[in-house]
Amino acid sequence: MKQFRQVRPEDFDVELLMAAAREGRLYVEEKKREVSREEIIVEVRAYVRRIKAFVTKPYMSKVDDLWEQILTSEDFVTFLTPGCKAKKCKVFDKYGVMRIIGILREKDVYERYSDRKFDALLEPEMKDSPYRKYLGMGLEQRALLIKLRQIVAKFQL
């Protein structure tokens, strides 16, 4: 294994740095992008607005308020914050949103169309996105599932 040494500003050699970069020997640590709570909420709203056509008639006037209730819960915002495993999800965890949509579909907030139809509207640039299979998976955290069911129950007729 190669030895590394600390470089002090007075010892810094720009030419050596440039040579290392050209030769592919320069590595830098990726900066983790911090996403604000507001940014997550705005992006999730825009994302789920794509499937507004799939909302059932009883929820047509309530779906925005329903998502507002979900997104005002700190637990759900934390759940939708992208983690280290969700590298494809830059602003919010799309896998988590798909899980929530799947539960809302089971609760008849959304029409029971196929996963492929939902995927076509949510991810139009991808023919077959990796997120689609998460529509039917539900939530792993029981507390979140119970909270989501309670939110939906408030909006039922």
N, C-alpha and C. Protein backbone atom coordinates (compact mmCIF):
# COMPACT_ATOMS: atom_id res chain seq x y z
N MET A 1 0.84 -1.18 0.00
CA MET A 1 0.00 0.00 0.00
C MET A 1 0.89 1.24 0.00
N LYS A 2 0.49 2.22 -0.77
CA LYS A 2 1.27 3.45 -0.87
C LYS A 2 1.09 4.30 0.37
N GLN A 3 2.12 5.03 0.67
CA GLN A 3 2.09 5.94 1.81
C GLN A 3 1.63 7.32 1.34
N PHE A 4 0.85 7.97 2.15
CA PHE A 4 0.39 9.32 1.87
C PHE A 4 1.03 10.27 2.87
N ARG A 5 1.21 11.48 2.45
CA ARG A 5 1.74 12.48 3.36
C ARG A 5 0.87 13.72 3.29
N GLN A 6 0.85 14.43 4.37
CA GLN A 6 0.07 15.65 4.43
C GLN A 6 0.81 16.74 3.67
N VAL A 7 0.05 17.51 2.88
CA VAL A 7 0.64 18.59 2.10
C VAL A 7 0.29 19.91 2.78
N ARG A 8 1.30 20.69 3.04
CA ARG A 8 1.10 22.01 3.63
C ARG A 8 1.05 23.03 2.50
N PRO A 9 0.38 24.16 2.71
CA PRO A 9 0.24 25.16 1.63
C PRO A 9 1.57 25.61 1.03
N GLU A 10 2.60 25.75 1.84
CA GLU A 10 3.89 26.22 1.29
C GLU A 10 4.59 25.15 0.46
N ASP A 11 4.19 23.87 0.62
CA ASP A 11 4.77 22.77 -0.15
C ASP A 11 3.93 22.38 -1.36
N PHE A 12 2.83 23.06 -1.57
CA PHE A 12 1.87 22.68 -2.61
C PHE A 12 2.45 22.96 -3.99
N ASP A 13 2.43 21.94 -4.85
CA ASP A 13 2.96 22.06 -6.20
C ASP A 13 1.82 21.84 -7.19
N VAL A 14 1.40 22.90 -7.83
CA VAL A 14 0.28 22.86 -8.76
C VAL A 14 0.60 21.95 -9.95
N GLU A 15 1.82 21.97 -10.42
CA GLU A 15 2.21 21.15 -11.57
C GLU A 15 2.05 19.66 -11.25
N LEU A 16 2.46 19.24 -10.05
CA LEU A 16 2.30 17.84 -9.65
C LEU A 16 0.83 17.46 -9.55
N LEU A 17 0.04 18.38 -9.04
CA LEU A 17 -1.41 18.15 -8.93
C LEU A 17 -2.03 17.96 -10.30
N MET A 18 -1.70 18.82 -11.23
CA MET A 18 -2.23 18.73 -12.59
C MET A 18 -1.77 17.44 -13.28
N ALA A 19 -0.53 17.06 -13.07
CA ALA A 19 0.00 15.82 -13.66
C ALA A 19 -0.75 14.62 -13.10
N ALA A 20 -1.00 14.61 -11.80
CA ALA A 20 -1.74 13.51 -11.18
C ALA A 20 -3.15 13.44 -11.72
N ALA A 21 -3.78 14.58 -11.93
CA ALA A 21 -5.14 14.61 -12.48
C ALA A 21 -5.15 14.07 -13.91
N ARG A 22 -4.19 14.47 -14.72
CA ARG A 22 -4.13 13.99 -16.11
C ARG A 22 -3.88 12.49 -16.19
N GLU A 23 -3.12 11.97 -15.25
CA GLU A 23 -2.78 10.54 -15.25
C GLU A 23 -3.85 9.69 -14.55
N GLY A 24 -4.86 10.32 -14.01
CA GLY A 24 -5.92 9.58 -13.34
C GLY A 24 -5.56 9.12 -11.95
N ARG A 25 -4.61 9.78 -11.33
CA ARG A 25 -4.18 9.40 -9.98
C ARG A 25 -4.71 10.34 -8.91
N LEU A 26 -5.55 11.28 -9.28
CA LEU A 26 -6.06 12.26 -8.33
C LEU A 26 -7.48 11.86 -7.92
N TYR A 27 -7.68 11.66 -6.65
CA TYR A 27 -8.98 11.30 -6.12
C TYR A 27 -9.41 12.33 -5.09
N VAL A 28 -10.66 12.71 -5.16
CA VAL A 28 -11.19 13.64 -4.17
C VAL A 28 -12.45 13.03 -3.56
N GLU A 29 -12.69 13.36 -2.34
CA GLU A 29 -13.87 12.85 -1.65
C GLU A 29 -15.09 13.61 -2.16
N GLU A 30 -16.13 12.85 -2.54
CA GLU A 30 -17.35 13.49 -3.01
C GLU A 30 -18.03 14.22 -1.88
N LYS A 31 -18.49 15.40 -2.20
CA LYS A 31 -19.19 16.18 -1.19
C LYS A 31 -20.64 15.71 -1.17
N LYS A 32 -21.11 15.36 0.02
CA LYS A 32 -22.49 14.91 0.16
C LYS A 32 -23.40 16.13 0.09
N ARG A 33 -24.36 16.07 -0.80
CA ARG A 33 -25.28 17.18 -0.98
C ARG A 33 -26.34 17.14 0.10
N GLU A 34 -26.45 18.22 0.83
CA GLU A 34 -27.48 18.32 1.86
C GLU A 34 -28.74 18.84 1.21
N VAL A 35 -29.85 18.18 1.50
CA VAL A 35 -31.13 18.57 0.93
C VAL A 35 -31.99 19.13 2.06
N SER A 36 -32.58 20.28 1.81
CA SER A 36 -33.41 20.89 2.84
C SER A 36 -34.79 20.22 2.89
N ARG A 37 -35.42 20.36 4.01
CA ARG A 37 -36.76 19.80 4.22
C ARG A 37 -37.73 20.39 3.20
N GLU A 38 -37.65 21.71 2.98
CA GLU A 38 -38.55 22.39 2.04
C GLU A 38 -38.34 21.89 0.62
N GLU A 39 -37.09 21.65 0.27
CA GLU A 39 -36.78 21.16 -1.08
C GLU A 39 -37.38 19.77 -1.30
N ILE A 40 -37.31 18.93 -0.30
CA ILE A 40 -37.91 17.59 -0.39
C ILE A 40 -39.41 17.70 -0.59
N ILE A 41 -40.06 18.55 0.20
CA ILE A 41 -41.51 18.70 0.13
C ILE A 41 -41.94 19.22 -1.24
N VAL A 42 -41.26 20.23 -1.74
CA VAL A 42 -41.60 20.81 -3.05
C VAL A 42 -41.43 19.77 -4.16
N GLU A 43 -40.33 19.03 -4.13
CA GLU A 43 -40.06 18.04 -5.18
C GLU A 43 -41.03 16.86 -5.12
N VAL A 44 -41.37 16.41 -3.91
CA VAL A 44 -42.33 15.30 -3.79
C VAL A 44 -43.70 15.74 -4.30
N ARG A 45 -44.12 16.95 -3.95
CA ARG A 45 -45.41 17.47 -4.46
C ARG A 45 -45.44 17.46 -5.99
N ALA A 46 -44.38 17.97 -6.59
CA ALA A 46 -44.31 18.01 -8.05
C ALA A 46 -44.33 16.60 -8.64
N TYR A 47 -43.66 15.68 -7.99
CA TYR A 47 -43.57 14.30 -8.47
C TYR A 47 -44.94 13.62 -8.43
N VAL A 48 -45.65 13.73 -7.32
CA VAL A 48 -46.95 13.05 -7.21
C VAL A 48 -48.04 13.76 -8.01
N ARG A 49 -47.82 15.03 -8.36
CA ARG A 49 -48.77 15.74 -9.21
C ARG A 49 -48.86 15.10 -10.59
N ARG A 50 -47.82 14.38 -10.99
CA ARG A 50 -47.81 13.72 -12.30
C ARG A 50 -48.90 12.65 -12.41
N ILE A 51 -49.33 12.08 -11.29
CA ILE A 51 -50.34 11.01 -11.33
C ILE A 51 -51.70 11.50 -10.84
N LYS A 52 -51.92 12.79 -10.90
CA LYS A 52 -53.20 13.36 -10.45
C LYS A 52 -54.36 12.78 -11.27
N ALA A 53 -54.10 12.40 -12.50
CA ALA A 53 -55.15 11.80 -13.34
C ALA A 53 -55.62 10.45 -12.81
N PHE A 54 -54.84 9.82 -11.95
CA PHE A 54 -55.19 8.50 -11.41
C PHE A 54 -55.92 8.58 -10.08
N VAL A 55 -56.16 9.78 -9.58
CA VAL A 55 -56.86 9.93 -8.31
C VAL A 55 -58.33 9.54 -8.49
N THR A 56 -58.86 8.79 -7.53
CA THR A 56 -60.26 8.37 -7.60
C THR A 56 -61.17 9.58 -7.33
N LYS A 57 -62.41 9.49 -7.78
CA LYS A 57 -63.35 10.61 -7.64
C LYS A 57 -63.55 11.07 -6.20
N PRO A 58 -63.70 10.15 -5.23
CA PRO A 58 -63.89 10.63 -3.85
C PRO A 58 -62.72 11.46 -3.30
N TYR A 59 -61.52 11.25 -3.85
CA TYR A 59 -60.34 11.93 -3.34
C TYR A 59 -59.85 13.06 -4.26
N MET A 60 -60.55 13.29 -5.36
CA MET A 60 -60.09 14.27 -6.34
C MET A 60 -59.85 15.65 -5.69
N SER A 61 -60.75 16.09 -4.84
CA SER A 61 -60.60 17.41 -4.23
C SER A 61 -59.75 17.37 -2.96
N LYS A 62 -59.40 16.17 -2.49
CA LYS A 62 -58.70 16.04 -1.21
C LYS A 62 -57.26 15.57 -1.33
N VAL A 63 -56.85 15.14 -2.50
CA VAL A 63 -55.53 14.50 -2.62
C VAL A 63 -54.38 15.46 -2.27
N ASP A 64 -54.52 16.73 -2.64
CA ASP A 64 -53.46 17.69 -2.30
C ASP A 64 -53.35 17.87 -0.78
N ASP A 65 -54.50 17.95 -0.12
CA ASP A 65 -54.51 18.07 1.35
C ASP A 65 -53.96 16.80 2.00
N LEU A 66 -54.26 15.66 1.41
CA LEU A 66 -53.77 14.39 1.93
C LEU A 66 -52.24 14.35 1.89
N TRP A 67 -51.67 14.72 0.73
CA TRP A 67 -50.22 14.75 0.61
C TRP A 67 -49.62 15.82 1.51
N GLU A 68 -50.34 16.92 1.70
CA GLU A 68 -49.86 17.96 2.60
C GLU A 68 -49.74 17.42 4.02
N GLN A 69 -50.74 16.63 4.45
CA GLN A 69 -50.70 16.00 5.77
C GLN A 69 -49.50 15.06 5.88
N ILE A 70 -49.27 14.29 4.84
CA ILE A 70 -48.14 13.35 4.83
C ILE A 70 -46.83 14.11 4.93
N LEU A 71 -46.71 15.17 4.15
CA LEU A 71 -45.44 15.90 4.08
C LEU A 71 -45.22 16.86 5.24
N THR A 72 -46.23 17.11 6.05
CA THR A 72 -46.01 17.92 7.25
C THR A 72 -45.53 17.07 8.42
N SER A 73 -45.61 15.77 8.26
CA SER A 73 -45.12 14.86 9.29
C SER A 73 -43.60 14.74 9.18
N GLU A 74 -42.93 15.06 10.25
CA GLU A 74 -41.47 14.99 10.27
C GLU A 74 -40.97 13.56 9.99
N ASP A 75 -41.74 12.57 10.46
CA ASP A 75 -41.35 11.17 10.24
C ASP A 75 -41.32 10.83 8.75
N PHE A 76 -42.31 11.30 8.00
CA PHE A 76 -42.35 11.01 6.57
C PHE A 76 -41.28 11.78 5.81
N VAL A 77 -41.02 13.02 6.21
CA VAL A 77 -39.96 13.79 5.53
C VAL A 77 -38.61 13.12 5.77
N THR A 78 -38.39 12.64 6.97
CA THR A 78 -37.16 11.90 7.27
C THR A 78 -37.09 10.62 6.43
N PHE A 79 -38.22 9.94 6.32
CA PHE A 79 -38.29 8.72 5.51
C PHE A 79 -37.97 9.00 4.05
N LEU A 80 -38.38 10.16 3.55
CA LEU A 80 -38.19 10.50 2.14
C LEU A 80 -36.88 11.22 1.86
N THR A 81 -36.10 11.46 2.90
CA THR A 81 -34.78 12.06 2.71
C THR A 81 -33.85 11.00 2.14
N PRO A 82 -33.17 11.32 1.03
CA PRO A 82 -32.30 10.30 0.42
C PRO A 82 -31.15 9.92 1.33
N GLY A 83 -30.95 8.62 1.45
CA GLY A 83 -29.85 8.10 2.25
C GLY A 83 -28.70 7.69 1.37
N CYS A 84 -27.72 7.07 1.96
CA CYS A 84 -26.54 6.66 1.19
C CYS A 84 -26.87 5.53 0.21
N LYS A 85 -27.92 4.75 0.47
CA LYS A 85 -28.27 3.65 -0.43
C LYS A 85 -29.03 4.15 -1.65
N ALA A 86 -29.70 5.28 -1.52
CA ALA A 86 -30.51 5.82 -2.62
C ALA A 86 -29.68 6.81 -3.43
N LYS A 87 -28.62 6.32 -4.06
CA LYS A 87 -27.71 7.19 -4.80
C LYS A 87 -28.36 7.82 -6.02
N LYS A 88 -29.33 7.13 -6.62
CA LYS A 88 -30.01 7.68 -7.80
C LYS A 88 -30.94 8.83 -7.42
N CYS A 89 -31.41 8.81 -6.19
CA CYS A 89 -32.37 9.81 -5.72
C CYS A 89 -31.60 11.00 -5.16
N LYS A 90 -31.55 12.06 -5.91
CA LYS A 90 -30.74 13.21 -5.51
C LYS A 90 -31.44 14.12 -4.50
N VAL A 91 -32.74 14.36 -4.70
CA VAL A 91 -33.45 15.30 -3.84
C VAL A 91 -34.32 14.59 -2.82
N PHE A 92 -35.01 13.54 -3.24
CA PHE A 92 -35.85 12.78 -2.32
C PHE A 92 -35.78 11.31 -2.71
N ASP A 93 -36.19 10.46 -1.78
CA ASP A 93 -36.13 9.02 -1.98
C ASP A 93 -37.37 8.57 -2.77
N LYS A 94 -37.19 8.35 -4.06
CA LYS A 94 -38.31 7.94 -4.91
C LYS A 94 -38.83 6.57 -4.54
N TYR A 95 -37.96 5.73 -4.03
CA TYR A 95 -38.40 4.41 -3.60
C TYR A 95 -39.43 4.55 -2.48
N GLY A 96 -39.18 5.46 -1.56
CA GLY A 96 -40.12 5.70 -0.46
C GLY A 96 -41.44 6.27 -0.94
N VAL A 97 -41.38 7.20 -1.90
CA VAL A 97 -42.61 7.77 -2.45
C VAL A 97 -43.43 6.68 -3.14
N MET A 98 -42.76 5.80 -3.86
CA MET A 98 -43.47 4.70 -4.53
C MET A 98 -44.16 3.80 -3.51
N ARG A 99 -43.52 3.55 -2.40
CA ARG A 99 -44.13 2.72 -1.35
C ARG A 99 -45.40 3.39 -0.82
N ILE A 100 -45.33 4.70 -0.59
CA ILE A 100 -46.50 5.44 -0.10
C ILE A 100 -47.61 5.43 -1.13
N ILE A 101 -47.27 5.66 -2.39
CA ILE A 101 -48.28 5.64 -3.46
C ILE A 101 -48.94 4.27 -3.53
N GLY A 102 -48.17 3.21 -3.38
CA GLY A 102 -48.73 1.86 -3.41
C GLY A 102 -49.76 1.65 -2.31
N ILE A 103 -49.48 2.17 -1.13
CA ILE A 103 -50.44 2.05 -0.02
C ILE A 103 -51.68 2.90 -0.29
N LEU A 104 -51.46 4.10 -0.82
CA LEU A 104 -52.61 4.96 -1.14
C LEU A 104 -53.47 4.34 -2.24
N ARG A 105 -52.85 3.63 -3.15
CA ARG A 105 -53.61 2.92 -4.18
C ARG A 105 -54.45 1.80 -3.55
N GLU A 106 -53.88 1.10 -2.59
CA GLU A 106 -54.64 0.05 -1.89
C GLU A 106 -55.79 0.63 -1.07
N LYS A 107 -55.63 1.86 -0.62
CA LYS A 107 -56.68 2.54 0.16
C LYS A 107 -57.65 3.29 -0.76
N ASP A 108 -57.58 3.05 -2.06
CA ASP A 108 -58.47 3.63 -3.08
C ASP A 108 -58.35 5.14 -3.22
N VAL A 109 -57.20 5.69 -2.88
CA VAL A 109 -56.96 7.10 -3.17
C VAL A 109 -56.63 7.24 -4.65
N TYR A 110 -55.90 6.26 -5.16
CA TYR A 110 -55.56 6.20 -6.58
C TYR A 110 -56.26 4.99 -7.20
N GLU A 111 -56.56 5.12 -8.48
CA GLU A 111 -57.15 4.00 -9.22
C GLU A 111 -56.20 2.81 -9.18
N ARG A 112 -56.74 1.63 -9.31
CA ARG A 112 -55.91 0.42 -9.24
C ARG A 112 -55.38 0.03 -10.62
N TYR A 113 -54.72 0.97 -11.24
CA TYR A 113 -54.07 0.70 -12.52
C TYR A 113 -52.79 -0.10 -12.27
N SER A 114 -52.25 -0.62 -13.33
CA SER A 114 -51.03 -1.42 -13.21
C SER A 114 -49.84 -0.55 -12.80
N ASP A 115 -48.85 -1.22 -12.24
CA ASP A 115 -47.62 -0.53 -11.83
C ASP A 115 -46.98 0.16 -13.03
N ARG A 116 -47.07 -0.47 -14.18
CA ARG A 116 -46.47 0.07 -15.40
C ARG A 116 -47.09 1.42 -15.78
N LYS A 117 -48.40 1.57 -15.59
CA LYS A 117 -49.06 2.84 -15.91
C LYS A 117 -48.59 3.95 -14.96
N PHE A 118 -48.49 3.63 -13.69
CA PHE A 118 -47.99 4.61 -12.73
C PHE A 118 -46.56 5.00 -13.08
N ASP A 119 -45.76 4.01 -13.39
CA ASP A 119 -44.37 4.23 -13.71
C ASP A 119 -44.22 5.10 -14.96
N ALA A 120 -45.09 4.90 -15.93
CA ALA A 120 -45.02 5.66 -17.18
C ALA A 120 -45.24 7.15 -16.93
N LEU A 121 -46.12 7.48 -16.00
CA LEU A 121 -46.36 8.90 -15.69
C LEU A 121 -45.31 9.47 -14.75
N LEU A 122 -44.88 8.68 -13.78
CA LEU A 122 -43.92 9.18 -12.80
C LEU A 122 -42.50 9.27 -13.35
N GLU A 123 -42.15 8.34 -14.20
CA GLU A 123 -40.80 8.31 -14.76
C GLU A 123 -40.87 8.23 -16.29
N PRO A 124 -41.35 9.30 -16.95
CA PRO A 124 -41.54 9.24 -18.41
C PRO A 124 -40.25 9.09 -19.21
N GLU A 125 -39.12 9.51 -18.63
CA GLU A 125 -37.87 9.42 -19.38
C GLU A 125 -37.25 8.03 -19.35
N MET A 126 -37.76 7.16 -18.46
CA MET A 126 -37.25 5.79 -18.37
C MET A 126 -38.32 4.82 -18.85
N LYS A 127 -37.92 3.87 -19.66
CA LYS A 127 -38.90 2.89 -20.14
C LYS A 127 -39.37 1.98 -19.01
N ASP A 128 -38.44 1.49 -18.22
CA ASP A 128 -38.77 0.59 -17.13
C ASP A 128 -37.90 0.97 -15.94
N SER A 129 -38.43 1.83 -15.08
CA SER A 129 -37.60 2.35 -13.99
C SER A 129 -37.46 1.34 -12.85
N PRO A 130 -36.40 1.46 -12.08
CA PRO A 130 -36.20 0.55 -10.94
C PRO A 130 -37.17 0.84 -9.79
N TYR A 131 -37.85 1.98 -9.84
CA TYR A 131 -38.74 2.37 -8.76
C TYR A 131 -40.07 1.62 -8.80
N ARG A 132 -40.47 1.18 -9.97
CA ARG A 132 -41.80 0.59 -10.17
C ARG A 132 -42.10 -0.56 -9.22
N LYS A 133 -41.13 -1.40 -8.99
CA LYS A 133 -41.39 -2.59 -8.16
C LYS A 133 -41.69 -2.24 -6.71
N TYR A 134 -41.41 -1.01 -6.31
CA TYR A 134 -41.66 -0.60 -4.93
C TYR A 134 -43.12 -0.17 -4.69
N LEU A 135 -43.91 -0.09 -5.75
CA LEU A 135 -45.31 0.31 -5.60
C LEU A 135 -46.10 -0.66 -4.72
N GLY A 136 -45.80 -1.91 -4.78
CA GLY A 136 -46.56 -2.89 -4.01
C GLY A 136 -45.88 -3.37 -2.75
N MET A 137 -44.79 -2.75 -2.36
CA MET A 137 -44.02 -3.26 -1.23
C MET A 137 -44.50 -2.81 0.14
N GLY A 138 -45.22 -1.73 0.21
CA GLY A 138 -45.66 -1.24 1.51
C GLY A 138 -44.51 -0.61 2.28
N LEU A 139 -44.78 -0.27 3.53
CA LEU A 139 -43.78 0.35 4.38
C LEU A 139 -43.23 -0.66 5.38
N GLU A 140 -41.94 -0.66 5.55
CA GLU A 140 -41.31 -1.59 6.48
C GLU A 140 -41.48 -1.16 7.93
N GLN A 141 -41.53 0.16 8.16
CA GLN A 141 -41.70 0.66 9.52
C GLN A 141 -43.18 0.66 9.88
N ARG A 142 -43.53 -0.14 10.82
CA ARG A 142 -44.93 -0.27 11.23
C ARG A 142 -45.51 1.06 11.70
N ALA A 143 -44.73 1.85 12.42
CA ALA A 143 -45.21 3.14 12.92
C ALA A 143 -45.61 4.07 11.77
N LEU A 144 -44.81 4.07 10.70
CA LEU A 144 -45.14 4.90 9.52
C LEU A 144 -46.41 4.40 8.83
N LEU A 145 -46.54 3.09 8.73
CA LEU A 145 -47.71 2.50 8.10
C LEU A 145 -48.98 2.88 8.87
N ILE A 146 -48.92 2.78 10.18
CA ILE A 146 -50.07 3.14 11.01
C ILE A 146 -50.39 4.63 10.86
N LYS A 147 -49.36 5.45 10.86
CA LYS A 147 -49.56 6.90 10.71
C LYS A 147 -50.19 7.22 9.35
N LEU A 148 -49.72 6.55 8.29
CA LEU A 148 -50.28 6.78 6.96
C LEU A 148 -51.74 6.35 6.90
N ARG A 149 -52.05 5.22 7.50
CA ARG A 149 -53.44 4.76 7.54
C ARG A 149 -54.33 5.75 8.30
N GLN A 150 -53.81 6.32 9.37
CA GLN A 150 -54.57 7.31 10.14
C GLN A 150 -54.83 8.57 9.32
N ILE A 151 -53.83 9.01 8.58
CA ILE A 151 -53.99 10.19 7.73
C ILE A 151 -55.06 9.93 6.68
N VAL A 152 -55.00 8.77 6.03
CA VAL A 152 -55.99 8.44 5.00
C VAL A 152 -57.39 8.34 5.62
N ALA A 153 -57.48 7.78 6.81
CA ALA A 153 -58.78 7.63 7.48
C ALA A 153 -59.44 8.98 7.73
N LYS A 154 -58.65 10.01 7.98
CA LYS A 154 -59.21 11.35 8.18
C LYS A 154 -59.90 11.89 6.93
N PHE A 155 -59.43 11.45 5.77
CA PHE A 155 -59.95 11.96 4.51
C PHE A 155 -61.02 11.09 3.87
N GLN A 156 -61.30 9.94 4.48
CA GLN A 156 -62.32 9.06 3.93
C GLN A 156 -63.70 9.62 4.21
N LEU A 157 -64.64 9.30 3.33
CA LEU A 157 -66.00 9.84 3.46
C LEU A 157 -66.73 9.33 4.66
